[in-house]
C-alpha atoms as a PDB file:
ATOM      1  CA  MET A   1       0.000   0.000   0.000  1.00  0.00           C
ATOM      2  CA  LYS A   2       1.343   3.459  -0.951  1.00  0.00           C
ATOM      3  CA  LEU A   3       0.624   6.747   0.828  1.00  0.00           C
ATOM      4  CA  VAL A   4      -0.782   9.291  -1.667  1.00  0.00           C
ATOM      5  CA  LEU A   5      -2.145  12.153   0.478  1.00  0.00           C
ATOM      6  CA  VAL A   6      -1.766  13.580   3.965  1.00  0.00           C
ATOM      7  CA  GLN A   7      -4.200  16.202   5.188  1.00  0.00           C
ATOM      8  CA  ALA A   8      -3.564  17.733   8.605  1.00  0.00           C
ATOM      9  CA  ILE A   9      -5.724  20.280  10.402  1.00  0.00           C
ATOM     10  CA  TRP A  10      -4.846  22.026  13.649  1.00  0.00           C
ATOM     11  CA  ARG A  11      -5.582  25.137  15.660  1.00  0.00           C
ATOM     12  CA  HIS A  12      -3.217  27.862  16.769  1.00  0.00           C
ATOM     13  CA  GLY A  13      -0.855  27.306  19.666  1.00  0.00           C
ATOM     14  CA  ASP A  14      -1.003  28.809  23.146  1.00  0.00           C
ATOM     15  CA  ARG A  15      -2.217  32.403  23.047  1.00  0.00           C
ATOM     16  CA  THR A  16      -2.965  35.312  25.323  1.00  0.00           C
ATOM     17  CA  PRO A  17      -6.599  35.819  26.382  1.00  0.00           C
ATOM     18  CA  THR A  18      -8.956  37.504  23.929  1.00  0.00           C
ATOM     19  CA  GLU A  19     -10.705  39.405  26.709  1.00  0.00           C
ATOM     20  CA  THR A  20     -10.731  39.742  30.480  1.00  0.00           C
ATOM     21  CA  TYR A  21     -13.142  40.058  33.342  1.00  0.00           C
ATOM     22  CA  HIS A  22     -14.618  43.472  34.039  1.00  0.00           C
ATOM     23  CA  ASN A  23     -12.474  44.172  37.135  1.00  0.00           C
ATOM     24  CA  ASP A  24      -9.485  41.995  36.250  1.00  0.00           C
ATOM     25  CA  LYS A  25      -6.168  43.509  37.369  1.00  0.00           C
ATOM     26  CA  PHE A  26      -4.459  42.091  34.252  1.00  0.00           C
ATOM     27  CA  THR A  27      -5.191  44.567  31.458  1.00  0.00           C
ATOM     28  CA  GLY A  28      -4.103  44.384  27.813  1.00  0.00           C
ATOM     29  CA  ASP A  29      -0.760  45.973  28.730  1.00  0.00           C
ATOM     30  CA  TYR A  30       0.028  42.933  30.888  1.00  0.00           C
ATOM     31  CA  TRP A  31      -0.040  40.610  27.854  1.00  0.00           C
ATOM     32  CA  ILE A  32       2.912  42.141  25.974  1.00  0.00           C
ATOM     33  CA  PHE A  33       4.852  38.895  25.477  1.00  0.00           C
ATOM     34  CA  GLY A  34       4.213  36.738  22.426  1.00  0.00           C
ATOM     35  CA  GLY A  35       3.397  39.579  20.055  1.00  0.00           C
ATOM     36  CA  GLY A  36       1.585  41.795  22.522  1.00  0.00           C
ATOM     37  CA  GLY A  37      -2.045  42.382  23.163  1.00  0.00           C
ATOM     38  CA  TRP A  38      -5.149  40.271  23.244  1.00  0.00           C
ATOM     39  CA  GLY A  39      -5.350  36.906  21.497  1.00  0.00           C
ATOM     40  CA  GLN A  40      -1.730  36.781  20.318  1.00  0.00           C
ATOM     41  CA  LEU A  41       0.424  33.678  20.019  1.00  0.00           C
ATOM     42  CA  THR A  42       2.819  33.261  22.951  1.00  0.00           C
ATOM     43  CA  PRO A  43       6.385  31.896  22.833  1.00  0.00           C
ATOM     44  CA  ILE A  44       4.914  28.676  24.266  1.00  0.00           C
ATOM     45  CA  GLY A  45       2.517  28.512  21.299  1.00  0.00           C
ATOM     46  CA  MET A  46       5.385  29.021  18.848  1.00  0.00           C
ATOM     47  CA  ARG A  47       7.357  26.245  20.539  1.00  0.00           C
ATOM     48  CA  GLN A  48       4.294  23.936  20.430  1.00  0.00           C
ATOM     49  CA  HIS A  49       4.048  24.331  16.666  1.00  0.00           C
ATOM     50  CA  MET A  50       7.785  23.944  16.092  1.00  0.00           C
ATOM     51  CA  GLU A  51       7.570  20.647  17.971  1.00  0.00           C
ATOM     52  CA  LEU A  52       4.533  19.596  15.934  1.00  0.00           C
ATOM     53  CA  GLY A  53       6.466  20.432  12.759  1.00  0.00           C
ATOM     54  CA  LYS A  54       9.372  18.253  13.946  1.00  0.00           C
ATOM     55  CA  LYS A  55       6.980  15.350  14.536  1.00  0.00           C
ATOM     56  CA  ILE A  56       5.554  15.765  11.037  1.00  0.00           C
ATOM     57  CA  ARG A  57       9.127  15.901   9.647  1.00  0.00           C
ATOM     58  CA  ASN A  58      10.061  12.696  11.461  1.00  0.00           C
ATOM     59  CA  ARG A  59       6.991  10.906  10.175  1.00  0.00           C
ATOM     60  CA  TYR A  60       6.748  12.098   6.566  1.00  0.00           C
ATOM     61  CA  ILE A  61      10.202  13.450   5.629  1.00  0.00           C
ATOM     62  CA  LYS A  62      12.676  11.308   7.564  1.00  0.00           C
ATOM     63  CA  GLY A  63      10.636   8.201   6.832  1.00  0.00           C
ATOM     64  CA  LEU A  64       9.540   7.114  10.305  1.00  0.00           C
ATOM     65  CA  PRO A  65       7.418   5.246   9.088  1.00  0.00           C
ATOM     66  CA  TYR A  66       6.707   6.936   5.711  1.00  0.00           C
ATOM     67  CA  GLU A  67       9.192   8.756   3.488  1.00  0.00           C
ATOM     68  CA  PHE A  68       6.563  10.837   1.708  1.00  0.00           C
ATOM     69  CA  LEU A  69       7.868  14.423   1.387  1.00  0.00           C
ATOM     70  CA  SER A  70      11.150  15.819   0.055  1.00  0.00           C
ATOM     71  CA  LYS A  71      13.758  16.983   2.553  1.00  0.00           C
ATOM     72  CA  ARG A  72      13.586  20.489   1.051  1.00  0.00           C
ATOM     73  CA  TYR A  73      10.352  22.443   0.926  1.00  0.00           C
ATOM     74  CA  SER A  74       8.496  22.153  -2.383  1.00  0.00           C
ATOM     75  CA  GLN A  75       5.344  24.132  -3.117  1.00  0.00           C
ATOM     76  CA  GLN A  76       4.253  21.252  -5.354  1.00  0.00           C
ATOM     77  CA  GLU A  77       4.166  18.970  -2.301  1.00  0.00           C
ATOM     78  CA  VAL A  78       3.041  21.171   0.588  1.00  0.00           C
ATOM     79  CA  PHE A  79       0.129  23.591   0.767  1.00  0.00           C
ATOM     80  CA  VAL A  80      -0.458  25.589   3.955  1.00  0.00           C
ATOM     81  CA  ARG A  81      -3.592  27.608   4.597  1.00  0.00           C
ATOM     82  CA  SER A  82      -4.340  29.871   7.550  1.00  0.00           C
ATOM     83  CA  THR A  83      -6.919  32.384   8.598  1.00  0.00           C
ATOM     84  CA  ASP A  84      -5.775  36.009   8.527  1.00  0.00           C
ATOM     85  CA  LYS A  85      -5.086  36.259  12.259  1.00  0.00           C
ATOM     86  CA  ASN A  86      -1.601  36.921  13.568  1.00  0.00           C
ATOM     87  CA  ARG A  87      -1.754  33.935  15.961  1.00  0.00           C
ATOM     88  CA  THR A  88      -2.766  31.480  13.213  1.00  0.00           C
ATOM     89  CA  LEU A  89      -0.250  32.817  10.689  1.00  0.00           C
ATOM     90  CA  LEU A  90       2.560  32.565  13.276  1.00  0.00           C
ATOM     91  CA  SER A  91       1.383  29.065  14.216  1.00  0.00           C
ATOM     92  CA  ALA A  92       1.578  27.965  10.573  1.00  0.00           C
ATOM     93  CA  PHE A  93       4.997  29.625  10.166  1.00  0.00           C
ATOM     94  CA  SER A  94       6.338  27.996  13.354  1.00  0.00           C
ATOM     95  CA  ASN A  95       5.087  24.631  12.158  1.00  0.00           C
ATOM     96  CA  MET A  96       6.930  25.038   8.850  1.00  0.00           C
ATOM     97  CA  VAL A  97      10.098  26.039  10.728  1.00  0.00           C
ATOM     98  CA  GLY A  98       9.833  22.766  12.633  1.00  0.00           C
ATOM     99  CA  MET A  99       9.374  20.823   9.394  1.00  0.00           C
ATOM    100  CA  TYR A 100      11.879  22.559   7.132  1.00  0.00           C
ATOM    101  CA  GLY A 101      13.879  24.996   9.297  1.00  0.00           C
ATOM    102  CA  ALA A 102      17.657  25.459   9.169  1.00  0.00           C
ATOM    103  CA  THR A 103      19.217  22.307   7.714  1.00  0.00           C
ATOM    104  CA  ASP A 104      17.186  19.893   9.772  1.00  0.00           C
ATOM    105  CA  GLY A 105      15.147  22.277  11.919  1.00  0.00           C
ATOM    106  CA  GLU A 106      17.506  21.664  14.822  1.00  0.00           C
ATOM    107  CA  ASN A 107      19.538  24.889  14.607  1.00  0.00           C
ATOM    108  CA  TYR A 108      16.717  27.238  15.514  1.00  0.00           C
ATOM    109  CA  ASN A 109      16.703  28.643  19.018  1.00  0.00           C
ATOM    110  CA  LYS A 110      13.713  27.701  21.082  1.00  0.00           C
ATOM    111  CA  ALA A 111      11.011  30.361  20.888  1.00  0.00           C
ATOM    112  CA  GLY A 112      11.046  32.659  23.872  1.00  0.00           C
ATOM    113  CA  GLU A 113      14.683  32.116  24.791  1.00  0.00           C
END
């Protein structure tokens, strides 16, 4: 049996809150890390998607168990779609860094460090 298609769907990684309680002491200024402001991807969320990208690389690029994709990114093989929200675009980007980043994705510093 030969693998012919992989379709993966996921949500964004860890993010800051989109709103707060009426009298919450943590206002929008408190959530400056991870892009700043409400509903933004955090460094933890970036790291989550880099790790997910590495798992996808191990499975479908390195051949554990399927050698399905090329070691170098090819737009003929991979199509990425995201909503037009900063957190989802950064999640998709972080995932691709995990899959195809510097040489083998291992040379990138961990997000947030």
